[in-house]
Amino acid sequence: MKSCREVPRPCRYGIRTDSKAFMTKASSVRVGCTFSDPAALAQVRDAIWNEAGQPVALTAAEALSAISSRRIDVWIWDMEPASPSSLELIRRVHMARPELPVWLYYSRRTAVIEPAAEAESLQNISATPQLRGPLQEIEIRAHLRRLLSSVPRIRLVRLVDRMLCSLPAEVREYLVLSLEHRDHTGPKAFKVRNGAATLPGRLRHLQRVSQATIGVGPKRLLDGLILTFLTFKAFAFDVPLLTAAEQAGLSHKALHELRRRVLGADVQWAKREPRAQFEFALMAFAKVCKVSEQAAGEIVEEVAAESLA
């Protein structure tokens, strides 16, 4: 993997930061790979490593279980062996995880071309035939970059990067790492102290640094980021809010408590359509980050435009 040179860049809201490069390094994406051809699997696997992802080899029979249990963030399949059940498997995958980016990188065979084209009509599923020669590596890497950036957690981190400009690097790292753990661990509880334990700074130090910078501690920041993430999945990917919470290991009661902590008196107004839920959560997160409502409003409009595209 090529090293990422962290060159300070201007923040849109007036603060210099290197957070884009930082966020990319701090997040890992597990990519499920299902290929009948060992050579194709090796080529895709190497490209995943080059893009800082984690390849996970799966058989077609293992794929649905791995996806449902959230062991992978992305799935790539060559649709082999071709059979009438291939399209049914894709539909079941999409039903289990509508937010999951799926790439059907199929061989140029008549038996798979038609089901691949039909599957591509589903949200977050793309299909392209395998190439041969020097263009293949270029195509694989281009698609991988798109897939990795399409993972909901990664997309949200990039969107709220402009809100995290004012935070110290170690606090940003804690937030991204904690969100990654919450997204990966599912029903296993993830506490504030767990995230801080893996970082160079201790929780007490993070608390002190965060308080000195913006006047609130990392726990309050994390609450805001998690609720923003859950409502983002509901708005951008049609995942019911309660389902998104359960995927992150939160019960209905825990979700209710999280919403009350983050939204306060506004919680009664946030029980509306997904866009309103996301907008209220994002506005609350912007407020605690000491960022203008304009920044949050721009993000909401950006997500809305992408959803309609």
C-alpha atoms as a PDB file:
ATOM      1  CA  MET A   1       0.000   0.000   0.000  1.00  0.00           C
ATOM      2  CA  LYS A   2       1.304   3.406  -0.926  1.00  0.00           C
ATOM      3  CA  SER A   3       1.912   5.647   2.013  1.00  0.00           C
ATOM      4  CA  CYS A   4      -0.465   8.514   2.490  1.00  0.00           C
ATOM      5  CA  ARG A   5       1.385  11.764   2.818  1.00  0.00           C
ATOM      6  CA  GLU A   6      -0.387  13.918   5.362  1.00  0.00           C
ATOM      7  CA  VAL A   7      -0.178  17.412   3.938  1.00  0.00           C
ATOM      8  CA  PRO A   8      -2.220  20.011   5.847  1.00  0.00           C
ATOM      9  CA  ARG A   9      -5.101  21.337   3.778  1.00  0.00           C
ATOM     10  CA  PRO A  10      -7.494  24.226   4.349  1.00  0.00           C
ATOM     11  CA  CYS A  11     -10.779  23.312   6.015  1.00  0.00           C
ATOM     12  CA  ARG A  12     -13.877  24.702   4.359  1.00  0.00           C
ATOM     13  CA  TYR A  13     -14.715  26.472   7.595  1.00  0.00           C
ATOM     14  CA  GLY A  14     -11.361  28.124   8.166  1.00  0.00           C
ATOM     15  CA  ILE A  15      -9.274  25.575  10.095  1.00  0.00           C
ATOM     16  CA  ARG A  16      -6.319  23.757   8.584  1.00  0.00           C
ATOM     17  CA  THR A  17      -6.443  19.985   8.946  1.00  0.00           C
ATOM     18  CA  ASP A  18      -5.084  16.747   7.542  1.00  0.00           C
ATOM     19  CA  SER A  19      -8.194  14.777   8.497  1.00  0.00           C
ATOM     20  CA  LYS A  20      -9.041  13.403   5.018  1.00  0.00           C
ATOM     21  CA  ALA A  21      -5.804  11.450   4.885  1.00  0.00           C
ATOM     22  CA  PHE A  22      -6.194  10.548   8.524  1.00  0.00           C
ATOM     23  CA  MET A  23      -9.743   9.219   8.161  1.00  0.00           C
ATOM     24  CA  THR A  24      -8.757   7.012   5.247  1.00  0.00           C
ATOM     25  CA  LYS A  25      -5.981   5.345   7.233  1.00  0.00           C
ATOM     26  CA  ALA A  26      -8.073   4.958  10.361  1.00  0.00           C
ATOM     27  CA  SER A  27     -10.825   2.891   8.730  1.00  0.00           C
ATOM     28  CA  SER A  28     -10.564  -0.678   7.487  1.00  0.00           C
ATOM     29  CA  VAL A  29     -13.069  -2.367   5.201  1.00  0.00           C
ATOM     30  CA  ARG A  30     -13.551  -6.126   4.987  1.00  0.00           C
ATOM     31  CA  VAL A  31     -14.187  -7.220   1.420  1.00  0.00           C
ATOM     32  CA  GLY A  32     -15.777 -10.616   0.798  1.00  0.00           C
ATOM     33  CA  CYS A  33     -14.476 -12.261  -2.390  1.00  0.00           C
ATOM     34  CA  THR A  34     -16.257 -15.173  -4.071  1.00  0.00           C
ATOM     35  CA  PHE A  35     -14.448 -16.414  -7.194  1.00  0.00           C
ATOM     36  CA  SER A  36     -14.283 -19.780  -8.895  1.00  0.00           C
ATOM     37  CA  ASP A  37     -11.070 -18.845 -10.726  1.00  0.00           C
ATOM     38  CA  PRO A  38      -8.048 -18.803  -8.335  1.00  0.00           C
ATOM     39  CA  ALA A  39      -6.157 -16.422 -10.632  1.00  0.00           C
ATOM     40  CA  ALA A  40      -9.014 -13.903 -10.628  1.00  0.00           C
ATOM     41  CA  LEU A  41      -9.332 -14.227  -6.854  1.00  0.00           C
ATOM     42  CA  ALA A  42      -5.605 -13.564  -6.398  1.00  0.00           C
ATOM     43  CA  GLN A  43      -5.750 -10.482  -8.615  1.00  0.00           C
ATOM     44  CA  VAL A  44      -8.735  -9.016  -6.793  1.00  0.00           C
ATOM     45  CA  ARG A  45      -7.249  -9.905  -3.396  1.00  0.00           C
ATOM     46  CA  ASP A  46      -3.970  -8.125  -4.217  1.00  0.00           C
ATOM     47  CA  ALA A  47      -5.875  -5.059  -5.383  1.00  0.00           C
ATOM     48  CA  ILE A  48      -7.846  -5.011  -2.114  1.00  0.00           C
ATOM     49  CA  TRP A  49      -4.631  -5.057  -0.094  1.00  0.00           C
ATOM     50  CA  ASN A  50      -3.286  -2.216  -2.248  1.00  0.00           C
ATOM     51  CA  GLU A  51      -6.382  -0.169  -1.452  1.00  0.00           C
ATOM     52  CA  ALA A  52      -6.001  -0.799   2.314  1.00  0.00           C
ATOM     53  CA  GLY A  53      -8.933  -3.210   2.499  1.00  0.00           C
ATOM     54  CA  GLN A  54      -9.061  -6.641   4.136  1.00  0.00           C
ATOM     55  CA  PRO A  55      -9.901  -9.469   1.678  1.00  0.00           C
ATOM     56  CA  VAL A  56     -12.040 -12.333   2.991  1.00  0.00           C
ATOM     57  CA  ALA A  57     -12.327 -15.411   0.753  1.00  0.00           C
ATOM     58  CA  LEU A  58     -15.848 -16.895   0.750  1.00  0.00           C
ATOM     59  CA  THR A  59     -17.667 -19.592  -1.150  1.00  0.00           C
ATOM     60  CA  ALA A  60     -21.076 -18.799  -2.616  1.00  0.00           C
ATOM     61  CA  ALA A  61     -22.605 -21.030   0.068  1.00  0.00           C
ATOM     62  CA  GLU A  62     -20.902 -19.005   2.831  1.00  0.00           C
ATOM     63  CA  ALA A  63     -21.679 -15.558   1.440  1.00  0.00           C
ATOM     64  CA  LEU A  64     -25.214 -15.001   2.746  1.00  0.00           C
ATOM     65  CA  SER A  65     -24.280 -16.056   6.288  1.00  0.00           C
ATOM     66  CA  ALA A  66     -21.184 -13.828   6.296  1.00  0.00           C
ATOM     67  CA  ILE A  67     -23.220 -10.895   5.006  1.00  0.00           C
ATOM     68  CA  SER A  68     -26.132 -11.368   7.416  1.00  0.00           C
ATOM     69  CA  SER A  69     -23.767 -11.630  10.397  1.00  0.00           C
ATOM     70  CA  ARG A  70     -21.933  -8.465   9.249  1.00  0.00           C
ATOM     71  CA  ARG A  71     -18.563 -10.190   8.881  1.00  0.00           C
ATOM     72  CA  ILE A  72     -17.939  -8.269   5.664  1.00  0.00           C
ATOM     73  CA  ASP A  73     -18.560  -4.676   4.527  1.00  0.00           C
ATOM     74  CA  VAL A  74     -18.410  -5.279   0.756  1.00  0.00           C
ATOM     75  CA  TRP A  75     -19.012  -8.318  -1.444  1.00  0.00           C
ATOM     76  CA  ILE A  76     -17.484  -9.144  -4.856  1.00  0.00           C
ATOM     77  CA  TRP A  77     -18.794 -12.178  -6.756  1.00  0.00           C
ATOM     78  CA  ASP A  78     -18.110 -13.625 -10.185  1.00  0.00           C
ATOM     79  CA  MET A  79     -21.595 -15.254 -10.211  1.00  0.00           C
ATOM     80  CA  GLU A  80     -20.126 -18.713 -10.663  1.00  0.00           C
ATOM     81  CA  PRO A  81     -21.217 -21.404 -10.872  1.00  0.00           C
ATOM     82  CA  ALA A  82     -23.968 -19.960 -13.057  1.00  0.00           C
ATOM     83  CA  SER A  83     -27.403 -21.252 -12.102  1.00  0.00           C
ATOM     84  CA  PRO A  84     -31.025 -20.072 -11.855  1.00  0.00           C
ATOM     85  CA  SER A  85     -30.474 -19.543  -8.129  1.00  0.00           C
ATOM     86  CA  SER A  86     -27.746 -16.893  -8.660  1.00  0.00           C
ATOM     87  CA  LEU A  87     -30.219 -14.032  -8.976  1.00  0.00           C
ATOM     88  CA  GLU A  88     -32.168 -15.330  -5.999  1.00  0.00           C
ATOM     89  CA  LEU A  89     -29.014 -15.270  -3.871  1.00  0.00           C
ATOM     90  CA  ILE A  90     -28.358 -11.657  -4.836  1.00  0.00           C
ATOM     91  CA  ARG A  91     -31.916 -10.702  -3.919  1.00  0.00           C
ATOM     92  CA  ARG A  92     -31.581 -12.401  -0.543  1.00  0.00           C
ATOM     93  CA  VAL A  93     -28.302 -10.590   0.073  1.00  0.00           C
ATOM     94  CA  HIS A  94     -29.911  -7.275  -0.813  1.00  0.00           C
ATOM     95  CA  MET A  95     -32.857  -7.981   1.465  1.00  0.00           C
ATOM     96  CA  ALA A  96     -30.543  -8.841   4.356  1.00  0.00           C
ATOM     97  CA  ARG A  97     -28.235  -5.839   3.869  1.00  0.00           C
ATOM     98  CA  PRO A  98     -29.659  -3.204   1.463  1.00  0.00           C
ATOM     99  CA  GLU A  99     -26.798  -0.867   2.363  1.00  0.00           C
ATOM    100  CA  LEU A 100     -24.099  -3.407   1.409  1.00  0.00           C
ATOM    101  CA  PRO A 101     -22.025  -2.427  -1.677  1.00  0.00           C
ATOM    102  CA  VAL A 102     -21.966  -5.428  -4.058  1.00  0.00           C
ATOM    103  CA  TRP A 103     -19.908  -5.772  -7.223  1.00  0.00           C
ATOM    104  CA  LEU A 104     -20.770  -8.582  -9.630  1.00  0.00           C
ATOM    105  CA  TYR A 105     -17.520  -8.967 -11.550  1.00  0.00           C
ATOM    106  CA  TYR A 106     -18.643 -11.735 -13.842  1.00  0.00           C
ATOM    107  CA  SER A 107     -17.009 -13.664 -16.676  1.00  0.00           C
ATOM    108  CA  ARG A 108     -18.258 -12.993 -20.210  1.00  0.00           C
ATOM    109  CA  ARG A 109     -20.652 -15.917 -20.417  1.00  0.00           C
ATOM    110  CA  THR A 110     -24.222 -15.832 -21.672  1.00  0.00           C
ATOM    111  CA  ALA A 111     -25.452 -17.701 -18.596  1.00  0.00           C
ATOM    112  CA  VAL A 112     -24.509 -14.859 -16.240  1.00  0.00           C
ATOM    113  CA  ILE A 113     -24.934 -11.739 -18.388  1.00  0.00           C
ATOM    114  CA  GLU A 114     -28.733 -11.581 -18.081  1.00  0.00           C
ATOM    115  CA  PRO A 115     -29.019 -12.198 -14.311  1.00  0.00           C
ATOM    116  CA  ALA A 116     -26.159  -9.733 -13.712  1.00  0.00           C
ATOM    117  CA  ALA A 117     -27.986  -7.043 -15.687  1.00  0.00           C
ATOM    118  CA  GLU A 118     -31.193  -7.678 -13.735  1.00  0.00           C
ATOM    119  CA  ALA A 119     -29.390  -7.596 -10.389  1.00  0.00           C
ATOM    120  CA  GLU A 120     -27.806  -4.246 -11.240  1.00  0.00           C
ATOM    121  CA  SER A 121     -31.224  -2.590 -10.956  1.00  0.00           C
ATOM    122  CA  LEU A 122     -31.034  -3.089  -7.177  1.00  0.00           C
ATOM    123  CA  GLN A 123     -29.596  -0.299  -5.009  1.00  0.00           C
ATOM    124  CA  ASN A 124     -25.851  -0.486  -4.277  1.00  0.00           C
ATOM    125  CA  ILE A 125     -25.289  -3.356  -6.722  1.00  0.00           C
ATOM    126  CA  SER A 126     -23.082  -2.899  -9.780  1.00  0.00           C
ATOM    127  CA  ALA A 127     -22.163  -5.445 -12.455  1.00  0.00           C
ATOM    128  CA  THR A 128     -19.352  -5.425 -15.013  1.00  0.00           C
ATOM    129  CA  PRO A 129     -17.790  -8.160 -17.169  1.00  0.00           C
ATOM    130  CA  GLN A 130     -14.236  -9.232 -16.451  1.00  0.00           C
ATOM    131  CA  LEU A 131     -11.595  -7.789 -18.730  1.00  0.00           C
ATOM    132  CA  ARG A 132      -8.344  -9.299 -19.873  1.00  0.00           C
ATOM    133  CA  GLY A 133      -4.956  -7.710 -20.285  1.00  0.00           C
ATOM    134  CA  PRO A 134      -3.488  -4.521 -18.823  1.00  0.00           C
ATOM    135  CA  LEU A 135      -6.871  -2.794 -18.426  1.00  0.00           C
ATOM    136  CA  GLN A 136      -8.056  -5.401 -15.925  1.00  0.00           C
ATOM    137  CA  GLU A 137      -5.922  -4.182 -13.034  1.00  0.00           C
ATOM    138  CA  ILE A 138      -6.927  -0.568 -13.699  1.00  0.00           C
ATOM    139  CA  GLU A 139     -10.615  -1.490 -13.749  1.00  0.00           C
ATOM    140  CA  ILE A 140     -10.393  -3.552 -10.562  1.00  0.00           C
ATOM    141  CA  ARG A 141      -8.688  -0.787  -8.614  1.00  0.00           C
ATOM    142  CA  ALA A 142     -11.131   1.853  -9.871  1.00  0.00           C
ATOM    143  CA  HIS A 143     -14.124  -0.253  -8.829  1.00  0.00           C
ATOM    144  CA  LEU A 144     -12.563  -1.064  -5.472  1.00  0.00           C
ATOM    145  CA  ARG A 145     -12.056   2.606  -4.658  1.00  0.00           C
ATOM    146  CA  ARG A 146     -15.705   3.240  -5.455  1.00  0.00           C
ATOM    147  CA  LEU A 147     -16.848   0.257  -3.384  1.00  0.00           C
ATOM    148  CA  LEU A 148     -14.764   1.132  -0.345  1.00  0.00           C
ATOM    149  CA  SER A 149     -15.965   4.729  -0.404  1.00  0.00           C
ATOM    150  CA  SER A 150     -19.581   3.472  -0.679  1.00  0.00           C
ATOM    151  CA  VAL A 151     -19.535   1.678   2.679  1.00  0.00           C
ATOM    152  CA  PRO A 152     -22.002   3.648   4.858  1.00  0.00           C
ATOM    153  CA  ARG A 153     -19.528   4.188   7.694  1.00  0.00           C
ATOM    154  CA  ILE A 154     -16.843   5.447   5.309  1.00  0.00           C
ATOM    155  CA  ARG A 155     -19.299   7.660   3.445  1.00  0.00           C
ATOM    156  CA  LEU A 156     -20.492   9.269   6.646  1.00  0.00           C
ATOM    157  CA  VAL A 157     -16.981   9.891   7.955  1.00  0.00           C
ATOM    158  CA  ARG A 158     -16.110  11.659   4.722  1.00  0.00           C
ATOM    159  CA  LEU A 159     -19.291  13.727   4.886  1.00  0.00           C
ATOM    160  CA  VAL A 160     -18.800  14.878   8.485  1.00  0.00           C
ATOM    161  CA  ASP A 161     -15.081  15.469   7.993  1.00  0.00           C
ATOM    162  CA  ARG A 162     -15.859  19.155   7.654  1.00  0.00           C
ATOM    163  CA  MET A 163     -17.427  19.056  11.129  1.00  0.00           C
ATOM    164  CA  LEU A 164     -14.441  17.316  12.679  1.00  0.00           C
ATOM    165  CA  CYS A 165     -12.009  19.983  11.470  1.00  0.00           C
ATOM    166  CA  SER A 166     -11.805  21.680  14.830  1.00  0.00           C
ATOM    167  CA  LEU A 167     -11.074  18.544  16.859  1.00  0.00           C
ATOM    168  CA  PRO A 168      -7.564  17.417  17.856  1.00  0.00           C
ATOM    169  CA  ALA A 169      -6.269  14.530  15.737  1.00  0.00           C
ATOM    170  CA  GLU A 170      -6.360  12.053  18.625  1.00  0.00           C
ATOM    171  CA  VAL A 171     -10.009  12.852  19.366  1.00  0.00           C
ATOM    172  CA  ARG A 172     -10.919  12.424  15.687  1.00  0.00           C
ATOM    173  CA  GLU A 173      -9.067   9.115  15.707  1.00  0.00           C
ATOM    174  CA  TYR A 174     -10.983   7.980  18.771  1.00  0.00           C
ATOM    175  CA  LEU A 175     -14.326   8.839  17.149  1.00  0.00           C
ATOM    176  CA  VAL A 176     -13.557   7.049  13.884  1.00  0.00           C
ATOM    177  CA  LEU A 177     -12.179   3.987  15.658  1.00  0.00           C
ATOM    178  CA  SER A 178     -15.167   3.848  17.986  1.00  0.00           C
ATOM    179  CA  LEU A 179     -17.630   4.121  15.102  1.00  0.00           C
ATOM    180  CA  GLU A 180     -15.775   1.358  13.270  1.00  0.00           C
ATOM    181  CA  HIS A 181     -15.995  -0.906  16.320  1.00  0.00           C
ATOM    182  CA  ARG A 182     -19.691  -0.144  16.747  1.00  0.00           C
ATOM    183  CA  ASP A 183     -20.307  -0.963  13.085  1.00  0.00           C
ATOM    184  CA  HIS A 184     -18.301  -4.199  13.299  1.00  0.00           C
ATOM    185  CA  THR A 185     -19.096  -5.605  16.706  1.00  0.00           C
ATOM    186  CA  GLY A 186     -22.873  -5.743  16.241  1.00  0.00           C
ATOM    187  CA  PRO A 187     -24.599  -6.941  19.411  1.00  0.00           C
ATOM    188  CA  LYS A 188     -21.400  -6.850  21.464  1.00  0.00           C
ATOM    189  CA  ALA A 189     -21.351  -3.773  23.657  1.00  0.00           C
ATOM    190  CA  PHE A 190     -18.689  -1.184  22.865  1.00  0.00           C
ATOM    191  CA  LYS A 191     -17.915   1.313  25.583  1.00  0.00           C
ATOM    192  CA  VAL A 192     -16.053   4.581  25.447  1.00  0.00           C
ATOM    193  CA  ARG A 193     -13.140   3.150  27.420  1.00  0.00           C
ATOM    194  CA  ASN A 194     -12.680   0.303  24.892  1.00  0.00           C
ATOM    195  CA  GLY A 195     -12.007   2.769  22.095  1.00  0.00           C
ATOM    196  CA  ALA A 196      -9.584   4.811  24.131  1.00  0.00           C
ATOM    197  CA  ALA A 197      -7.652   1.717  25.262  1.00  0.00           C
ATOM    198  CA  THR A 198      -6.287   1.113  21.762  1.00  0.00           C
ATOM    199  CA  LEU A 199      -5.088   4.684  21.280  1.00  0.00           C
ATOM    200  CA  PRO A 200      -1.825   6.287  22.415  1.00  0.00           C
ATOM    201  CA  GLY A 201      -3.717   8.680  24.690  1.00  0.00           C
ATOM    202  CA  ARG A 202      -5.745   7.460  27.650  1.00  0.00           C
ATOM    203  CA  LEU A 203      -9.414   8.256  28.105  1.00  0.00           C
ATOM    204  CA  ARG A 204      -8.647  10.823  30.785  1.00  0.00           C
ATOM    205  CA  HIS A 205      -6.263  12.583  28.422  1.00  0.00           C
ATOM    206  CA  LEU A 206      -8.844  12.536  25.614  1.00  0.00           C
ATOM    207  CA  GLN A 207     -11.402  13.979  28.003  1.00  0.00           C
ATOM    208  CA  ARG A 208      -9.033  16.788  28.975  1.00  0.00           C
ATOM    209  CA  VAL A 209      -8.036  17.591  25.387  1.00  0.00           C
ATOM    210  CA  SER A 210     -11.606  17.504  24.101  1.00  0.00           C
ATOM    211  CA  GLN A 211     -12.916  19.675  26.930  1.00  0.00           C
ATOM    212  CA  ALA A 212     -10.137  22.208  26.400  1.00  0.00           C
ATOM    213  CA  THR A 213     -10.818  22.416  22.661  1.00  0.00           C
ATOM    214  CA  ILE A 214     -14.613  22.514  22.317  1.00  0.00           C
ATOM    215  CA  GLY A 215     -15.916  22.287  25.883  1.00  0.00           C
ATOM    216  CA  VAL A 216     -17.390  18.758  25.724  1.00  0.00           C
ATOM    217  CA  GLY A 217     -15.993  15.290  26.301  1.00  0.00           C
ATOM    218  CA  PRO A 218     -15.486  12.419  23.828  1.00  0.00           C
ATOM    219  CA  LYS A 219     -18.524  10.488  25.091  1.00  0.00           C
ATOM    220  CA  ARG A 220     -20.896  13.261  24.054  1.00  0.00           C
ATOM    221  CA  LEU A 221     -19.172  13.549  20.687  1.00  0.00           C
ATOM    222  CA  LEU A 222     -19.434   9.801  20.149  1.00  0.00           C
ATOM    223  CA  ASP A 223     -23.129   9.777  21.054  1.00  0.00           C
ATOM    224  CA  GLY A 224     -23.761  12.431  18.403  1.00  0.00           C
ATOM    225  CA  LEU A 225     -21.716  10.618  15.768  1.00  0.00           C
ATOM    226  CA  ILE A 226     -23.419   7.258  16.403  1.00  0.00           C
ATOM    227  CA  LEU A 227     -26.933   8.707  16.176  1.00  0.00           C
ATOM    228  CA  THR A 228     -25.925  10.549  13.011  1.00  0.00           C
ATOM    229  CA  PHE A 229     -24.656   7.260  11.585  1.00  0.00           C
ATOM    230  CA  LEU A 230     -27.856   5.370  12.408  1.00  0.00           C
ATOM    231  CA  THR A 231     -30.109   8.043  10.929  1.00  0.00           C
ATOM    232  CA  PHE A 232     -27.814   8.313   7.894  1.00  0.00           C
ATOM    233  CA  LYS A 233     -28.355   4.619   7.148  1.00  0.00           C
ATOM    234  CA  ALA A 234     -32.104   5.107   7.500  1.00  0.00           C
ATOM    235  CA  PHE A 235     -32.143   8.118   5.162  1.00  0.00           C
ATOM    236  CA  ALA A 236     -29.594   7.121   2.529  1.00  0.00           C
ATOM    237  CA  PHE A 237     -30.104   3.337   2.429  1.00  0.00           C
ATOM    238  CA  ASP A 238     -33.738   2.771   3.482  1.00  0.00           C
ATOM    239  CA  VAL A 239     -32.662   0.792   6.551  1.00  0.00           C
ATOM    240  CA  PRO A 240     -35.293   1.185   9.300  1.00  0.00           C
ATOM    241  CA  LEU A 241     -33.821   3.133  12.218  1.00  0.00           C
ATOM    242  CA  LEU A 242     -34.496   0.361  14.712  1.00  0.00           C
ATOM    243  CA  THR A 243     -32.839  -2.166  12.375  1.00  0.00           C
ATOM    244  CA  ALA A 244     -29.807   0.109  12.018  1.00  0.00           C
ATOM    245  CA  ALA A 245     -29.634   0.360  15.806  1.00  0.00           C
ATOM    246  CA  GLU A 246     -29.871  -3.413  16.224  1.00  0.00           C
ATOM    247  CA  GLN A 247     -27.080  -3.870  13.665  1.00  0.00           C
ATOM    248  CA  ALA A 248     -24.941  -1.619  15.858  1.00  0.00           C
ATOM    249  CA  GLY A 249     -25.793  -3.579  18.995  1.00  0.00           C
ATOM    250  CA  LEU A 250     -28.337  -1.124  20.416  1.00  0.00           C
ATOM    251  CA  SER A 251     -31.682  -2.256  21.820  1.00  0.00           C
ATOM    252  CA  HIS A 252     -34.870  -0.248  21.333  1.00  0.00           C
ATOM    253  CA  LYS A 253     -34.418   1.146  24.853  1.00  0.00           C
ATOM    254  CA  ALA A 254     -30.744   2.022  24.222  1.00  0.00           C
ATOM    255  CA  LEU A 255     -31.707   3.802  21.000  1.00  0.00           C
ATOM    256  CA  HIS A 256     -34.382   5.793  22.831  1.00  0.00           C
ATOM    257  CA  GLU A 257     -31.882   6.827  25.508  1.00  0.00           C
ATOM    258  CA  LEU A 258     -29.296   7.755  22.876  1.00  0.00           C
ATOM    259  CA  ARG A 259     -31.800   9.957  21.064  1.00  0.00           C
ATOM    260  CA  ARG A 260     -32.775  11.729  24.277  1.00  0.00           C
ATOM    261  CA  ARG A 261     -29.127  12.360  25.199  1.00  0.00           C
ATOM    262  CA  VAL A 262     -28.267  13.773  21.792  1.00  0.00           C
ATOM    263  CA  LEU A 263     -31.452  15.625  20.851  1.00  0.00           C
ATOM    264  CA  GLY A 264     -32.749  16.757  24.237  1.00  0.00           C
ATOM    265  CA  ALA A 265     -36.014  18.675  23.858  1.00  0.00           C
ATOM    266  CA  ASP A 266     -35.905  18.230  20.068  1.00  0.00           C
ATOM    267  CA  VAL A 267     -36.400  14.466  20.363  1.00  0.00           C
ATOM    268  CA  GLN A 268     -40.168  14.877  19.894  1.00  0.00           C
ATOM    269  CA  TRP A 269     -39.661  16.580  16.532  1.00  0.00           C
ATOM    270  CA  ALA A 270     -37.198  13.987  15.224  1.00  0.00           C
ATOM    271  CA  LYS A 271     -39.760  11.147  15.163  1.00  0.00           C
ATOM    272  CA  ARG A 272     -40.664  11.829  11.570  1.00  0.00           C
ATOM    273  CA  GLU A 273     -39.503  10.680   8.149  1.00  0.00           C
ATOM    274  CA  PRO A 274     -35.864   9.500   7.704  1.00  0.00           C
ATOM    275  CA  ARG A 275     -34.682  12.826   6.310  1.00  0.00           C
ATOM    276  CA  ALA A 276     -35.938  14.700   9.387  1.00  0.00           C
ATOM    277  CA  GLN A 277     -34.338  12.138  11.697  1.00  0.00           C
ATOM    278  CA  PHE A 278     -30.992  12.549   9.941  1.00  0.00           C
ATOM    279  CA  GLU A 279     -31.252  16.323   9.826  1.00  0.00           C
ATOM    280  CA  PHE A 280     -32.004  16.669  13.554  1.00  0.00           C
ATOM    281  CA  ALA A 281     -29.179  14.287  14.488  1.00  0.00           C
ATOM    282  CA  LEU A 282     -26.719  16.067  12.192  1.00  0.00           C
ATOM    283  CA  MET A 283     -27.706  19.502  13.470  1.00  0.00           C
ATOM    284  CA  ALA A 284     -27.176  18.322  17.054  1.00  0.00           C
ATOM    285  CA  PHE A 285     -23.769  16.880  16.142  1.00  0.00           C
ATOM    286  CA  ALA A 286     -22.786  20.114  14.384  1.00  0.00           C
ATOM    287  CA  LYS A 287     -23.755  22.090  17.476  1.00  0.00           C
ATOM    288  CA  VAL A 288     -21.625  19.994  19.826  1.00  0.00           C
ATOM    289  CA  CYS A 289     -18.706  20.246  17.353  1.00  0.00           C
ATOM    290  CA  LYS A 290     -19.138  24.036  17.355  1.00  0.00           C
ATOM    291  CA  VAL A 291     -19.878  24.056  13.623  1.00  0.00           C
ATOM    292  CA  SER A 292     -22.511  26.232  11.949  1.00  0.00           C
ATOM    293  CA  GLU A 293     -25.910  24.848  10.972  1.00  0.00           C
ATOM    294  CA  GLN A 294     -25.019  25.800   7.407  1.00  0.00           C
ATOM    295  CA  ALA A 295     -22.440  22.993   7.334  1.00  0.00           C
ATOM    296  CA  ALA A 296     -25.018  20.443   8.484  1.00  0.00           C
ATOM    297  CA  GLY A 297     -27.601  21.751   6.022  1.00  0.00           C
ATOM    298  CA  GLU A 298     -25.184  21.367   3.127  1.00  0.00           C
ATOM    299  CA  ILE A 299     -24.513  17.747   4.092  1.00  0.00           C
ATOM    300  CA  VAL A 300     -28.241  16.941   4.259  1.00  0.00           C
ATOM    301  CA  GLU A 301     -28.757  18.399   0.785  1.00  0.00           C
ATOM    302  CA  GLU A 302     -25.746  16.483  -0.518  1.00  0.00           C
ATOM    303  CA  VAL A 303     -27.087  13.168   0.791  1.00  0.00           C
ATOM    304  CA  ALA A 304     -30.554  13.940  -0.568  1.00  0.00           C
ATOM    305  CA  ALA A 305     -29.112  14.674  -4.020  1.00  0.00           C
ATOM    306  CA  GLU A 306     -27.114  11.420  -4.003  1.00  0.00           C
ATOM    307  CA  SER A 307     -30.196   9.455  -2.996  1.00  0.00           C
ATOM    308  CA  LEU A 308     -32.153  10.842  -5.943  1.00  0.00           C
ATOM    309  CA  ALA A 309     -29.339  10.272  -8.443  1.00  0.00           C
END
